[in-house]
């Protein structure tokens, strides 16, 4: 019976990147519009926000890479900060920061990544992934 329930559940998964080097400012939502995968259509490429198509437990992962220096972003669920991602460098070297979270979502909940600092991000190393578990 458990296996049958898993098989009947919809598949929802996405991975998207920032499409080009771009500077984001404090309070600005990162727009992940270079889609690698968007099964179930939950990621809205016009604004980079994941709109939950069906309730359940979801896993989200964020990886950021600033041009030089530090970067600081937050993962939000409906305007409530869930967790942070920070990366910094004393020598202004390239550096990467990442974090993951598992959260319960209801239909139409929104999950997004918001900048907490003025930062220029590398496009091919700044991405947002999520899937229903």
N, C-alpha and C. Protein backbone atom coordinates (compact mmCIF):
# COMPACT_ATOMS: atom_id res chain seq x y z
N UNK A 1 0.82 -1.19 0.00
CA UNK A 1 0.00 0.00 0.00
C UNK A 1 0.87 1.26 0.00
N UNK A 2 1.95 1.26 0.76
CA UNK A 2 2.85 2.42 0.80
C UNK A 2 3.45 2.68 -0.57
N UNK A 3 3.92 1.63 -1.26
CA UNK A 3 4.51 1.81 -2.58
C UNK A 3 3.51 2.38 -3.56
N UNK A 4 2.27 1.94 -3.50
CA UNK A 4 1.25 2.41 -4.42
C UNK A 4 1.04 3.92 -4.24
N UNK A 5 1.02 4.37 -3.00
CA UNK A 5 0.86 5.80 -2.74
C UNK A 5 2.03 6.59 -3.32
N UNK A 6 3.24 6.12 -3.16
CA UNK A 6 4.40 6.80 -3.73
C UNK A 6 4.32 6.88 -5.25
N UNK A 7 3.90 5.80 -5.89
CA UNK A 7 3.82 5.77 -7.33
C UNK A 7 2.73 6.69 -7.87
N UNK A 8 1.67 6.90 -7.10
CA UNK A 8 0.58 7.74 -7.60
C UNK A 8 0.82 9.23 -7.34
N UNK A 9 1.82 9.56 -6.56
CA UNK A 9 2.12 10.96 -6.25
C UNK A 9 2.73 11.65 -7.47
N UNK A 10 2.38 12.90 -7.66
CA UNK A 10 2.93 13.67 -8.78
C UNK A 10 4.42 13.92 -8.57
N UNK A 11 5.15 13.96 -9.66
CA UNK A 11 6.57 14.30 -9.59
C UNK A 11 6.70 15.81 -9.75
N UNK A 12 7.39 16.41 -8.80
CA UNK A 12 7.61 17.85 -8.83
C UNK A 12 9.08 18.07 -8.52
N UNK A 13 9.78 18.71 -9.45
CA UNK A 13 11.21 18.95 -9.26
C UNK A 13 11.66 20.07 -10.18
N UNK A 14 12.64 20.86 -9.71
CA UNK A 14 13.20 21.90 -10.56
C UNK A 14 14.64 22.19 -10.18
N UNK A 15 15.37 22.67 -11.15
CA UNK A 15 16.69 23.27 -10.96
C UNK A 15 16.79 24.40 -11.96
N UNK A 16 17.21 25.56 -11.49
CA UNK A 16 17.37 26.70 -12.38
C UNK A 16 18.53 27.57 -11.89
N UNK A 17 19.12 28.27 -12.84
CA UNK A 17 20.26 29.15 -12.56
C UNK A 17 19.88 30.59 -12.85
N UNK A 18 20.70 31.50 -12.36
CA UNK A 18 20.61 32.88 -12.81
C UNK A 18 21.15 32.89 -14.24
N UNK A 19 20.46 33.53 -15.19
CA UNK A 19 20.84 33.41 -16.60
C UNK A 19 22.12 34.12 -17.01
N UNK A 20 22.56 35.11 -16.28
CA UNK A 20 23.78 35.84 -16.62
C UNK A 20 24.30 36.51 -15.35
N UNK A 21 25.52 37.01 -15.40
CA UNK A 21 26.03 37.74 -14.24
C UNK A 21 25.08 38.90 -13.97
N UNK A 22 24.67 39.02 -12.74
CA UNK A 22 23.72 40.06 -12.42
C UNK A 22 23.92 40.52 -10.98
N UNK A 23 23.78 41.81 -10.77
CA UNK A 23 23.85 42.37 -9.43
C UNK A 23 22.46 42.40 -8.83
N UNK A 24 22.35 41.89 -7.62
CA UNK A 24 21.10 41.92 -6.86
C UNK A 24 21.32 42.79 -5.63
N UNK A 25 20.25 43.43 -5.19
CA UNK A 25 20.31 44.34 -4.05
C UNK A 25 19.52 43.77 -2.88
N UNK A 26 19.76 44.29 -1.70
CA UNK A 26 19.06 43.85 -0.48
C UNK A 26 17.56 43.90 -0.70
N UNK A 27 16.88 42.78 -0.38
CA UNK A 27 15.43 42.70 -0.52
C UNK A 27 14.95 42.26 -1.89
N UNK A 28 15.85 42.05 -2.83
CA UNK A 28 15.46 41.66 -4.19
C UNK A 28 15.46 40.14 -4.31
N UNK A 29 14.40 39.58 -4.91
CA UNK A 29 14.31 38.14 -5.14
C UNK A 29 15.21 37.77 -6.30
N UNK A 30 16.03 36.74 -6.10
CA UNK A 30 16.88 36.25 -7.18
C UNK A 30 16.00 35.58 -8.23
N UNK A 31 16.22 35.94 -9.48
CA UNK A 31 15.37 35.44 -10.56
C UNK A 31 16.08 34.31 -11.30
N UNK A 32 15.74 33.10 -10.93
CA UNK A 32 16.34 31.91 -11.52
C UNK A 32 15.55 31.54 -12.77
N UNK A 33 15.95 32.07 -13.90
CA UNK A 33 15.17 31.88 -15.13
C UNK A 33 15.82 30.95 -16.16
N UNK A 34 17.07 30.55 -15.94
CA UNK A 34 17.71 29.60 -16.84
C UNK A 34 17.38 28.20 -16.32
N UNK A 35 16.31 27.63 -16.86
CA UNK A 35 15.75 26.39 -16.33
C UNK A 35 16.50 25.18 -16.88
N UNK A 36 16.91 24.32 -15.97
CA UNK A 36 17.52 23.04 -16.33
C UNK A 36 16.44 21.97 -16.28
N UNK A 37 15.63 21.99 -15.23
CA UNK A 37 14.52 21.05 -15.05
C UNK A 37 13.37 21.80 -14.38
N UNK A 38 12.14 21.54 -14.84
CA UNK A 38 10.97 22.10 -14.17
C UNK A 38 9.79 21.14 -14.34
N UNK A 39 9.90 19.99 -13.71
CA UNK A 39 8.85 18.97 -13.79
C UNK A 39 7.72 19.37 -12.84
N UNK A 40 6.53 19.44 -13.35
CA UNK A 40 5.39 19.83 -12.54
C UNK A 40 5.08 21.31 -12.62
N UNK A 41 5.98 22.09 -13.24
CA UNK A 41 5.73 23.50 -13.51
C UNK A 41 5.66 24.40 -12.30
N UNK A 42 6.22 24.02 -11.16
CA UNK A 42 6.13 24.84 -9.96
C UNK A 42 6.98 26.09 -9.98
N UNK A 43 8.10 26.05 -10.71
CA UNK A 43 8.98 27.22 -10.75
C UNK A 43 8.47 28.18 -11.81
N UNK A 44 8.18 29.41 -11.40
CA UNK A 44 7.73 30.45 -12.31
C UNK A 44 8.96 31.17 -12.84
N UNK A 45 9.24 31.01 -14.13
CA UNK A 45 10.47 31.59 -14.67
C UNK A 45 10.38 33.10 -14.85
N UNK A 46 9.20 33.67 -14.75
CA UNK A 46 9.11 35.13 -14.88
C UNK A 46 9.58 35.85 -13.62
N UNK A 47 9.50 35.17 -12.46
CA UNK A 47 9.94 35.83 -11.22
C UNK A 47 10.89 34.99 -10.37
N UNK A 48 11.18 33.75 -10.77
CA UNK A 48 12.12 32.90 -10.02
C UNK A 48 11.56 32.31 -8.74
N UNK A 49 10.24 32.39 -8.56
CA UNK A 49 9.59 31.89 -7.35
C UNK A 49 8.98 30.52 -7.61
N UNK A 50 9.13 29.61 -6.64
CA UNK A 50 8.48 28.30 -6.70
C UNK A 50 7.11 28.44 -6.06
N UNK A 51 6.06 28.14 -6.83
CA UNK A 51 4.68 28.15 -6.35
C UNK A 51 4.25 26.69 -6.20
N UNK A 52 4.03 26.25 -4.99
CA UNK A 52 3.77 24.84 -4.71
C UNK A 52 2.49 24.36 -5.42
N UNK A 53 2.62 23.38 -6.32
CA UNK A 53 1.44 22.89 -7.04
C UNK A 53 0.60 21.89 -6.25
N UNK A 54 1.20 21.25 -5.26
CA UNK A 54 0.44 20.33 -4.41
C UNK A 54 1.11 20.20 -3.05
N UNK A 55 0.32 19.98 -2.00
CA UNK A 55 0.89 19.92 -0.65
C UNK A 55 1.83 18.73 -0.47
N UNK A 56 2.76 18.88 0.47
CA UNK A 56 3.68 17.80 0.79
C UNK A 56 4.97 18.33 1.39
N UNK A 57 5.90 17.40 1.60
CA UNK A 57 7.24 17.74 2.09
C UNK A 57 8.14 18.00 0.89
N UNK A 58 8.92 19.07 0.98
CA UNK A 58 9.79 19.46 -0.11
C UNK A 58 11.21 19.71 0.40
N UNK A 59 12.16 19.40 -0.47
CA UNK A 59 13.58 19.64 -0.22
C UNK A 59 14.01 20.78 -1.13
N UNK A 60 14.71 21.78 -0.57
CA UNK A 60 15.24 22.90 -1.36
C UNK A 60 16.73 23.06 -1.07
N UNK A 61 17.46 23.39 -2.12
CA UNK A 61 18.90 23.59 -2.05
C UNK A 61 19.25 24.86 -2.81
N UNK A 62 20.10 25.68 -2.23
CA UNK A 62 20.56 26.91 -2.88
C UNK A 62 22.08 26.93 -2.86
N UNK A 63 22.66 27.26 -4.00
CA UNK A 63 24.10 27.43 -4.12
C UNK A 63 24.35 28.83 -4.68
N UNK A 64 25.24 29.58 -4.05
CA UNK A 64 25.55 30.92 -4.54
C UNK A 64 27.05 31.08 -4.71
N UNK A 65 27.41 31.89 -5.71
CA UNK A 65 28.82 32.23 -5.92
C UNK A 65 28.89 33.69 -6.35
N UNK A 66 29.40 34.54 -5.46
CA UNK A 66 29.52 35.95 -5.82
C UNK A 66 30.70 36.17 -6.76
N UNK A 67 30.65 37.28 -7.47
CA UNK A 67 31.73 37.65 -8.37
C UNK A 67 33.04 37.73 -7.59
N UNK A 68 33.07 38.55 -6.54
CA UNK A 68 34.21 38.65 -5.64
C UNK A 68 33.67 39.13 -4.30
N UNK A 69 34.24 38.65 -3.24
CA UNK A 69 33.83 39.12 -1.92
C UNK A 69 32.79 38.25 -1.27
N UNK A 70 31.81 38.88 -0.65
CA UNK A 70 30.83 38.14 0.14
C UNK A 70 29.45 38.17 -0.51
N UNK A 71 28.63 37.22 -0.11
CA UNK A 71 27.23 37.16 -0.53
C UNK A 71 26.42 36.61 0.62
N UNK A 72 25.18 37.06 0.69
CA UNK A 72 24.30 36.69 1.79
C UNK A 72 22.88 36.68 1.25
N UNK A 73 22.24 35.51 1.26
CA UNK A 73 20.87 35.37 0.79
C UNK A 73 20.06 34.58 1.81
N UNK A 74 18.74 34.65 1.68
CA UNK A 74 17.84 33.89 2.55
C UNK A 74 16.87 33.09 1.71
N UNK A 75 16.50 31.92 2.22
CA UNK A 75 15.43 31.13 1.62
C UNK A 75 14.16 31.47 2.40
N UNK A 76 13.13 31.87 1.66
CA UNK A 76 11.87 32.26 2.28
C UNK A 76 10.75 31.31 1.91
N UNK A 77 9.81 31.14 2.83
CA UNK A 77 8.53 30.50 2.56
C UNK A 77 7.47 31.54 2.88
N UNK A 78 6.78 32.03 1.86
CA UNK A 78 5.71 33.02 2.04
C UNK A 78 6.13 34.23 2.87
N UNK A 79 7.24 34.81 2.63
CA UNK A 79 7.72 36.00 3.36
C UNK A 79 8.25 35.69 4.76
N UNK A 80 8.39 34.41 5.10
CA UNK A 80 8.99 34.03 6.39
C UNK A 80 10.35 33.41 6.09
N UNK A 81 11.39 34.02 6.65
CA UNK A 81 12.74 33.51 6.43
C UNK A 81 12.87 32.13 7.07
N UNK A 82 13.36 31.17 6.27
CA UNK A 82 13.57 29.80 6.76
C UNK A 82 15.02 29.58 7.16
N UNK A 83 15.94 30.00 6.29
CA UNK A 83 17.36 29.82 6.57
C UNK A 83 18.18 30.78 5.72
N UNK A 84 19.47 30.82 5.98
CA UNK A 84 20.40 31.72 5.30
C UNK A 84 21.44 30.94 4.51
N UNK A 85 22.04 31.64 3.56
CA UNK A 85 23.25 31.15 2.89
C UNK A 85 24.22 32.33 2.90
N UNK A 86 25.42 32.07 3.39
CA UNK A 86 26.43 33.13 3.44
C UNK A 86 27.74 32.58 2.90
N UNK A 87 28.44 33.41 2.17
CA UNK A 87 29.79 33.07 1.75
C UNK A 87 30.63 34.33 1.80
N UNK A 88 31.84 34.19 2.26
CA UNK A 88 32.71 35.35 2.38
C UNK A 88 34.14 34.99 2.10
N UNK A 89 34.90 36.01 1.78
CA UNK A 89 36.30 35.80 1.47
C UNK A 89 37.12 36.97 2.00
N UNK A 90 38.15 36.66 2.71
CA UNK A 90 39.04 37.69 3.22
C UNK A 90 39.90 38.25 2.09
N UNK A 91 40.32 37.38 1.19
CA UNK A 91 41.23 37.78 0.11
C UNK A 91 40.53 38.11 -1.19
N UNK A 92 39.21 38.29 -1.16
CA UNK A 92 38.42 38.55 -2.38
C UNK A 92 38.61 37.46 -3.42
N UNK A 93 38.75 36.25 -2.96
CA UNK A 93 38.84 35.09 -3.83
C UNK A 93 37.44 34.61 -4.20
N UNK A 94 37.36 33.73 -5.19
CA UNK A 94 36.08 33.11 -5.51
C UNK A 94 35.72 32.17 -4.38
N UNK A 95 34.45 32.14 -4.03
CA UNK A 95 33.99 31.27 -2.96
C UNK A 95 32.54 30.91 -3.20
N UNK A 96 32.11 29.83 -2.59
CA UNK A 96 30.75 29.31 -2.80
C UNK A 96 30.10 29.07 -1.46
N UNK A 97 28.81 29.33 -1.39
CA UNK A 97 28.03 29.03 -0.20
C UNK A 97 26.79 28.26 -0.59
N UNK A 98 26.35 27.35 0.26
CA UNK A 98 25.15 26.59 -0.03
C UNK A 98 24.46 26.19 1.26
N UNK A 99 23.17 25.87 1.12
CA UNK A 99 22.39 25.41 2.25
C UNK A 99 21.18 24.67 1.71
N UNK A 100 20.60 23.83 2.55
CA UNK A 100 19.43 23.04 2.17
C UNK A 100 18.44 23.03 3.32
N UNK A 101 17.18 22.79 2.97
CA UNK A 101 16.12 22.74 3.97
C UNK A 101 15.02 21.81 3.48
N UNK A 102 14.37 21.14 4.42
CA UNK A 102 13.18 20.34 4.13
C UNK A 102 12.02 21.00 4.86
N UNK A 103 10.97 21.34 4.12
CA UNK A 103 9.82 22.02 4.73
C UNK A 103 8.50 21.47 4.19
N UNK A 104 7.48 21.57 5.02
CA UNK A 104 6.11 21.21 4.65
C UNK A 104 5.49 22.39 3.91
N UNK A 105 4.88 22.11 2.75
CA UNK A 105 4.22 23.16 1.99
C UNK A 105 2.76 22.80 1.73
N UNK A 106 1.94 23.82 1.66
CA UNK A 106 0.56 23.70 1.21
C UNK A 106 0.49 24.20 -0.22
N UNK A 107 -0.57 23.83 -0.91
CA UNK A 107 -0.75 24.28 -2.28
C UNK A 107 -0.70 25.81 -2.32
N UNK A 108 0.01 26.35 -3.29
CA UNK A 108 0.18 27.78 -3.54
C UNK A 108 1.18 28.47 -2.61
N UNK A 109 1.78 27.75 -1.65
CA UNK A 109 2.86 28.36 -0.87
C UNK A 109 3.97 28.78 -1.84
N UNK A 110 4.69 29.81 -1.46
CA UNK A 110 5.78 30.32 -2.29
C UNK A 110 7.12 30.12 -1.58
N UNK A 111 8.11 29.67 -2.33
CA UNK A 111 9.46 29.53 -1.81
C UNK A 111 10.38 30.27 -2.78
N UNK A 112 11.24 31.12 -2.23
CA UNK A 112 12.12 31.91 -3.08
C UNK A 112 13.39 32.27 -2.32
N UNK A 113 14.35 32.80 -3.06
CA UNK A 113 15.64 33.21 -2.51
C UNK A 113 15.75 34.72 -2.66
N UNK A 114 16.06 35.39 -1.55
CA UNK A 114 16.14 36.84 -1.54
C UNK A 114 17.53 37.29 -1.13
N UNK A 115 18.04 38.28 -1.81
CA UNK A 115 19.35 38.82 -1.49
C UNK A 115 19.30 39.67 -0.22
N UNK A 116 20.31 39.51 0.62
CA UNK A 116 20.43 40.32 1.83
C UNK A 116 21.62 41.27 1.75
N UNK A 117 22.18 41.38 0.56
CA UNK A 117 23.33 42.27 0.37
C UNK A 117 23.41 42.63 -1.10
N UNK A 118 24.15 43.69 -1.39
CA UNK A 118 24.39 44.05 -2.79
C UNK A 118 25.50 43.12 -3.29
N UNK A 119 25.14 42.26 -4.24
CA UNK A 119 26.08 41.25 -4.70
C UNK A 119 25.89 40.97 -6.18
N UNK A 120 26.99 40.80 -6.89
CA UNK A 120 26.94 40.34 -8.27
C UNK A 120 27.23 38.84 -8.25
N UNK A 121 26.30 38.03 -8.77
CA UNK A 121 26.43 36.57 -8.73
C UNK A 121 26.87 36.01 -10.07
N UNK A 122 27.68 34.95 -10.02
CA UNK A 122 28.02 34.20 -11.22
C UNK A 122 26.81 33.38 -11.65
N UNK A 123 26.53 33.39 -12.93
CA UNK A 123 25.34 32.72 -13.44
C UNK A 123 25.43 31.20 -13.39
N UNK A 124 26.55 30.64 -13.76
CA UNK A 124 26.63 29.18 -13.85
C UNK A 124 26.89 28.50 -12.51
N UNK A 125 27.06 29.26 -11.46
CA UNK A 125 27.33 28.68 -10.14
C UNK A 125 26.34 29.14 -9.08
N UNK A 126 25.30 29.86 -9.48
CA UNK A 126 24.27 30.30 -8.56
C UNK A 126 22.97 29.67 -9.01
N UNK A 127 22.49 28.70 -8.22
CA UNK A 127 21.30 27.97 -8.65
C UNK A 127 20.40 27.61 -7.48
N UNK A 128 19.17 27.23 -7.82
CA UNK A 128 18.10 26.92 -6.87
C UNK A 128 17.48 25.61 -7.32
N UNK A 129 17.42 24.65 -6.41
CA UNK A 129 16.86 23.32 -6.69
C UNK A 129 15.82 22.98 -5.65
N UNK A 130 14.77 22.31 -6.09
CA UNK A 130 13.75 21.84 -5.16
C UNK A 130 13.00 20.65 -5.72
N UNK A 131 12.52 19.80 -4.82
CA UNK A 131 11.70 18.68 -5.26
C UNK A 131 10.84 18.16 -4.11
N UNK A 132 9.74 17.53 -4.49
CA UNK A 132 8.84 16.93 -3.51
C UNK A 132 9.43 15.59 -3.09
N UNK A 133 9.41 15.31 -1.77
CA UNK A 133 9.95 14.03 -1.29
C UNK A 133 8.85 13.13 -0.80
